[in-house]
Amino acid sequence: MFKIGDKIVYPMHGAGIIESIEEKEILGVKNKYYIMKISLDDMRVMIPINNIESLGIRKIIEDDEEHKITEIFKKSVFDMEKNWSKRYRQNEIAMRNGDVFEIAEIVRNLMAADRAKKLSAGEKKILINARQLLVSELMLVWNVDREQAEVKLDKIADINS
C-alpha cells in the first residue's frame, strides 16, 4: 500500500505523486482511490486502491538504479523485429507493462531507427509516448522539471548516436 507523497508509476499514464487517498462512490459503489498528480502536467488521475496490482502500479526507480538508464543508452541497438507491425505490438506491450528500463530501450531503439530511416507515423507516436513516460519518471527521480529532464535525457541519448 502506498501513502500520500509516494512517487509512483501508472503504466501508460506516467509517473506522479500521490496527493491524497479518498473514498468515492461511483455508480453506487464505494471504493478508496489514490489521487495522483501526473508529473508531466497538472492532470490528476484516480487509481482504485483494490486494483493497483492488476494495473501494474509501482514506485519509481531508486536513485541508485538511475544509472541503468545511461547504461541502456550506451549499448548498441539490438536487432529489432523487421516487421513494423510486430515491432509496434511488442513496444506497446512493453509500455503497458510500465518497466522503465524496457521503455528506455524502446526510446533508444526508435531514436536510432528514426536517425537511420524515418519512422512511420505509428512508430513515431510510440516514440513520443515512450519518451514522455520515461521523462515523467526521470523528472521525479532527478527532482527536476520537464525541460531539464528532457535536456538531460537528450544528453544521455546522444552517448551512442
Foldseek 3Di string as FASTA:
>chain_A
DDAFQFWKAQFLQAIFTFHHWDWDADPNDTFIWGWTQQQQDRDTDTHGPVCCVVRLMDGFDALVCVVLLLVLLLDDQDDADPDVVVSLVVLVVVRSNPDLNSLSSLLLNLVVVCVVPNDDPSSVVSNVSSVRRNLRRVCVNVVHHSVVSVVVVVVSNVNHD
